[in-house]
Amino acid sequence: MDDVLTHTPQRTCIGCRKREPRSALVRLVARQHSAVVDPDGVLPGRGAWLHRRRDCLDLAIRSRACSRHLRTAITDTSDLESWFDHGSTGAG
């Protein structure tokens, strides 16, 4: 068989709820009542996926999706907001 089927992992953005290839999203991980961006996808713990767009982050914060998907109370989103405003690379 010459054709090899390749599997592209799919994840759902917790902000807009659209399914995309894993490479189009960034992983979030809970750390002491805040969420941090895990750009390499290697930090331990439960993860949630989000587009690299500020509007998706705003939707996730407004709907409390970060707390729900990470299964812990996320009370500080300042690091996330800063990353999405200044530190993200690439378009999602």
N, C-alpha and C. Protein backbone atom coordinates (compact mmCIF):
# COMPACT_ATOMS: atom_id res chain seq x y z
N MET A 1 0.85 -1.17 0.00
CA MET A 1 0.00 0.00 0.00
C MET A 1 0.90 1.24 0.00
N ASP A 2 0.79 2.05 -1.02
CA ASP A 2 1.63 3.22 -1.16
C ASP A 2 1.16 4.41 -0.33
N ASP A 3 -0.13 4.54 -0.20
CA ASP A 3 -0.67 5.68 0.56
C ASP A 3 -0.65 5.36 2.04
N VAL A 4 0.00 6.20 2.79
CA VAL A 4 0.06 6.04 4.23
C VAL A 4 -0.85 7.08 4.85
N LEU A 5 -1.77 6.62 5.64
CA LEU A 5 -2.69 7.54 6.32
C LEU A 5 -1.96 8.17 7.49
N THR A 6 -2.01 9.47 7.57
CA THR A 6 -1.40 10.14 8.71
C THR A 6 -2.48 10.76 9.57
N HIS A 7 -2.27 10.68 10.84
CA HIS A 7 -3.23 11.22 11.80
C HIS A 7 -2.73 12.56 12.31
N THR A 8 -3.54 13.58 12.21
CA THR A 8 -3.23 14.89 12.75
C THR A 8 -4.05 15.08 14.01
N PRO A 9 -3.39 15.20 15.17
CA PRO A 9 -4.15 15.38 16.41
C PRO A 9 -5.01 16.64 16.35
N GLN A 10 -6.25 16.52 16.78
CA GLN A 10 -7.19 17.64 16.80
C GLN A 10 -7.49 18.02 18.24
N ARG A 11 -7.63 19.30 18.49
CA ARG A 11 -8.01 19.80 19.81
C ARG A 11 -9.11 20.85 19.62
N THR A 12 -9.85 21.11 20.68
CA THR A 12 -10.92 22.09 20.64
C THR A 12 -10.52 23.31 21.46
N CYS A 13 -10.66 24.48 20.86
CA CYS A 13 -10.38 25.74 21.55
C CYS A 13 -11.44 25.95 22.63
N ILE A 14 -11.01 26.22 23.87
CA ILE A 14 -11.98 26.42 24.94
C ILE A 14 -12.66 27.77 24.86
N GLY A 15 -12.18 28.65 24.00
CA GLY A 15 -12.81 29.96 23.81
C GLY A 15 -13.93 29.89 22.79
N CYS A 16 -13.58 29.63 21.55
CA CYS A 16 -14.57 29.65 20.46
C CYS A 16 -15.18 28.28 20.16
N ARG A 17 -14.61 27.21 20.76
CA ARG A 17 -15.11 25.83 20.63
C ARG A 17 -14.91 25.24 19.23
N LYS A 18 -14.01 25.80 18.42
CA LYS A 18 -13.72 25.24 17.10
C LYS A 18 -12.61 24.20 17.22
N ARG A 19 -12.76 23.11 16.47
CA ARG A 19 -11.72 22.07 16.43
C ARG A 19 -10.69 22.45 15.38
N GLU A 20 -9.43 22.30 15.75
CA GLU A 20 -8.31 22.64 14.87
C GLU A 20 -7.20 21.63 15.09
N PRO A 21 -6.24 21.56 14.17
CA PRO A 21 -5.06 20.75 14.45
C PRO A 21 -4.35 21.29 15.69
N ARG A 22 -3.76 20.39 16.43
CA ARG A 22 -3.07 20.77 17.67
C ARG A 22 -2.05 21.89 17.44
N SER A 23 -1.42 21.90 16.28
CA SER A 23 -0.39 22.90 15.99
C SER A 23 -0.96 24.31 15.86
N ALA A 24 -2.26 24.46 15.68
CA ALA A 24 -2.87 25.78 15.53
C ALA A 24 -3.28 26.39 16.86
N LEU A 25 -3.14 25.61 17.94
CA LEU A 25 -3.57 26.05 19.25
C LEU A 25 -2.39 26.08 20.21
N VAL A 26 -2.57 26.72 21.35
CA VAL A 26 -1.57 26.75 22.39
C VAL A 26 -2.18 26.11 23.64
N ARG A 27 -1.35 25.40 24.39
CA ARG A 27 -1.82 24.68 25.58
C ARG A 27 -1.70 25.56 26.81
N LEU A 28 -2.71 25.49 27.67
CA LEU A 28 -2.71 26.18 28.95
C LEU A 28 -2.63 25.13 30.06
N VAL A 29 -1.94 25.47 31.14
CA VAL A 29 -1.81 24.58 32.29
C VAL A 29 -2.04 25.40 33.55
N ALA A 30 -2.70 24.81 34.55
CA ALA A 30 -2.96 25.51 35.81
C ALA A 30 -1.71 25.51 36.67
N ARG A 31 -1.45 26.67 37.29
CA ARG A 31 -0.34 26.84 38.23
C ARG A 31 -0.78 27.79 39.33
N GLN A 32 -1.06 27.27 40.54
CA GLN A 32 -1.37 28.07 41.72
C GLN A 32 -2.39 29.18 41.47
N HIS A 33 -3.59 28.84 41.14
CA HIS A 33 -4.71 29.75 40.92
C HIS A 33 -4.54 30.67 39.70
N SER A 34 -3.61 30.32 38.84
CA SER A 34 -3.49 31.04 37.58
C SER A 34 -3.26 30.00 36.49
N ALA A 35 -3.35 30.45 35.27
CA ALA A 35 -3.07 29.57 34.14
C ALA A 35 -1.87 30.14 33.41
N VAL A 36 -1.00 29.25 32.94
CA VAL A 36 0.17 29.68 32.19
C VAL A 36 0.14 29.03 30.82
N VAL A 37 0.78 29.68 29.87
CA VAL A 37 0.88 29.16 28.52
C VAL A 37 2.01 28.14 28.48
N ASP A 38 1.75 27.01 27.88
CA ASP A 38 2.73 25.95 27.71
C ASP A 38 3.00 25.80 26.20
N PRO A 39 3.83 26.68 25.62
CA PRO A 39 3.99 26.68 24.16
C PRO A 39 4.58 25.39 23.60
N ASP A 40 5.37 24.66 24.41
CA ASP A 40 5.95 23.41 23.93
C ASP A 40 5.06 22.21 24.21
N GLY A 41 4.03 22.39 25.03
CA GLY A 41 3.10 21.31 25.33
C GLY A 41 3.70 20.21 26.17
N VAL A 42 4.63 20.55 27.07
CA VAL A 42 5.32 19.52 27.84
C VAL A 42 5.16 19.65 29.35
N LEU A 43 4.55 20.73 29.84
CA LEU A 43 4.40 20.90 31.28
C LEU A 43 3.46 19.84 31.84
N PRO A 44 3.74 19.38 33.06
CA PRO A 44 2.86 18.37 33.66
C PRO A 44 1.53 18.99 34.07
N GLY A 45 0.53 18.17 34.16
CA GLY A 45 -0.77 18.63 34.62
C GLY A 45 -1.80 18.63 33.51
N ARG A 46 -3.01 18.86 33.92
CA ARG A 46 -4.13 18.90 32.99
C ARG A 46 -4.01 20.13 32.09
N GLY A 47 -4.25 19.95 30.83
CA GLY A 47 -4.13 21.04 29.88
C GLY A 47 -5.45 21.40 29.24
N ALA A 48 -5.51 22.60 28.72
CA ALA A 48 -6.65 23.09 27.94
C ALA A 48 -6.05 23.80 26.73
N TRP A 49 -6.78 23.85 25.65
CA TRP A 49 -6.25 24.37 24.39
C TRP A 49 -7.00 25.62 23.96
N LEU A 50 -6.24 26.55 23.38
CA LEU A 50 -6.81 27.84 23.01
C LEU A 50 -6.11 28.35 21.76
N HIS A 51 -6.87 28.99 20.87
CA HIS A 51 -6.24 29.67 19.73
C HIS A 51 -5.30 30.75 20.25
N ARG A 52 -4.34 31.13 19.44
CA ARG A 52 -3.39 32.18 19.82
C ARG A 52 -3.97 33.57 19.53
N ARG A 53 -5.24 33.75 19.78
CA ARG A 53 -5.92 35.01 19.52
C ARG A 53 -6.53 35.55 20.81
N ARG A 54 -6.43 36.84 20.99
CA ARG A 54 -6.94 37.47 22.20
C ARG A 54 -8.45 37.31 22.33
N ASP A 55 -9.19 37.33 21.21
CA ASP A 55 -10.65 37.20 21.32
C ASP A 55 -11.05 35.83 21.88
N CYS A 56 -10.30 34.78 21.56
CA CYS A 56 -10.59 33.46 22.13
C CYS A 56 -10.28 33.44 23.62
N LEU A 57 -9.20 34.09 24.03
CA LEU A 57 -8.89 34.19 25.46
C LEU A 57 -10.00 34.93 26.18
N ASP A 58 -10.46 36.04 25.62
CA ASP A 58 -11.54 36.82 26.25
C ASP A 58 -12.80 35.98 26.41
N LEU A 59 -13.14 35.19 25.40
CA LEU A 59 -14.31 34.30 25.49
C LEU A 59 -14.12 33.27 26.60
N ALA A 60 -12.93 32.71 26.69
CA ALA A 60 -12.65 31.68 27.71
C ALA A 60 -12.72 32.27 29.11
N ILE A 61 -12.22 33.49 29.29
CA ILE A 61 -12.27 34.14 30.60
C ILE A 61 -13.71 34.48 30.96
N ARG A 62 -14.44 35.06 30.02
CA ARG A 62 -15.82 35.48 30.26
C ARG A 62 -16.72 34.29 30.62
N SER A 63 -16.50 33.16 29.97
CA SER A 63 -17.34 31.98 30.21
C SER A 63 -16.79 31.08 31.32
N ARG A 64 -15.68 31.48 31.93
CA ARG A 64 -15.01 30.70 32.98
C ARG A 64 -14.55 29.33 32.48
N ALA A 65 -14.26 29.24 31.20
CA ALA A 65 -13.85 27.97 30.60
C ALA A 65 -12.49 27.51 31.12
N CYS A 66 -11.60 28.44 31.44
CA CYS A 66 -10.28 28.05 31.96
C CYS A 66 -10.44 27.24 33.25
N SER A 67 -11.21 27.76 34.19
CA SER A 67 -11.43 27.05 35.46
C SER A 67 -12.11 25.72 35.23
N ARG A 68 -13.10 25.71 34.37
CA ARG A 68 -13.87 24.49 34.12
C ARG A 68 -13.01 23.41 33.48
N HIS A 69 -12.24 23.75 32.46
CA HIS A 69 -11.46 22.75 31.74
C HIS A 69 -10.20 22.33 32.47
N LEU A 70 -9.63 23.25 33.25
CA LEU A 70 -8.44 22.90 34.02
C LEU A 70 -8.80 22.32 35.39
N ARG A 71 -10.09 22.33 35.70
CA ARG A 71 -10.64 21.75 36.92
C ARG A 71 -10.01 22.31 38.19
N THR A 72 -9.80 23.62 38.20
CA THR A 72 -9.33 24.33 39.37
C THR A 72 -9.74 25.79 39.24
N ALA A 73 -9.83 26.48 40.37
CA ALA A 73 -10.24 27.88 40.34
C ALA A 73 -9.11 28.74 39.78
N ILE A 74 -9.33 29.35 38.65
CA ILE A 74 -8.37 30.27 38.05
C ILE A 74 -8.83 31.68 38.40
N THR A 75 -8.11 32.32 39.33
CA THR A 75 -8.49 33.65 39.77
C THR A 75 -7.60 34.74 39.18
N ASP A 76 -6.44 34.37 38.67
CA ASP A 76 -5.51 35.36 38.11
C ASP A 76 -5.23 35.01 36.65
N THR A 77 -5.65 35.89 35.76
CA THR A 77 -5.40 35.67 34.34
C THR A 77 -4.42 36.68 33.76
N SER A 78 -3.74 37.43 34.62
CA SER A 78 -2.85 38.49 34.14
C SER A 78 -1.69 37.96 33.30
N ASP A 79 -1.11 36.81 33.69
CA ASP A 79 -0.02 36.24 32.89
C ASP A 79 -0.50 35.82 31.51
N LEU A 80 -1.69 35.23 31.46
CA LEU A 80 -2.26 34.84 30.17
C LEU A 80 -2.52 36.05 29.29
N GLU A 81 -3.13 37.05 29.87
CA GLU A 81 -3.44 38.26 29.10
C GLU A 81 -2.17 38.92 28.58
N SER A 82 -1.14 38.95 29.40
CA SER A 82 0.13 39.53 28.98
C SER A 82 0.74 38.73 27.83
N TRP A 83 0.70 37.40 27.91
CA TRP A 83 1.25 36.56 26.85
C TRP A 83 0.50 36.76 25.54
N PHE A 84 -0.82 36.81 25.63
CA PHE A 84 -1.61 36.99 24.42
C PHE A 84 -1.46 38.38 23.83
N ASP A 85 -1.19 39.37 24.67
CA ASP A 85 -1.01 40.73 24.18
C ASP A 85 0.40 40.97 23.62
N HIS A 86 1.41 40.34 24.22
CA HIS A 86 2.79 40.68 23.86
C HIS A 86 3.66 39.51 23.47
N GLY A 87 3.41 38.33 24.03
CA GLY A 87 4.38 37.24 23.88
C GLY A 87 4.03 36.17 22.88
N SER A 88 2.82 36.17 22.34
CA SER A 88 2.47 35.10 21.42
C SER A 88 3.15 35.30 20.08
N THR A 89 3.45 34.18 19.46
CA THR A 89 4.06 34.24 18.13
C THR A 89 3.20 33.43 17.18
N GLY A 90 3.11 33.88 15.98
CA GLY A 90 2.33 33.18 14.96
C GLY A 90 0.87 33.52 15.05
N ALA A 91 0.19 33.31 13.97
CA ALA A 91 -1.25 33.57 13.91
C ALA A 91 -2.00 32.28 14.10
N GLY A 92 -3.13 32.33 14.80
CA GLY A 92 -3.88 31.14 15.06
C GLY A 92 -5.10 31.00 14.25
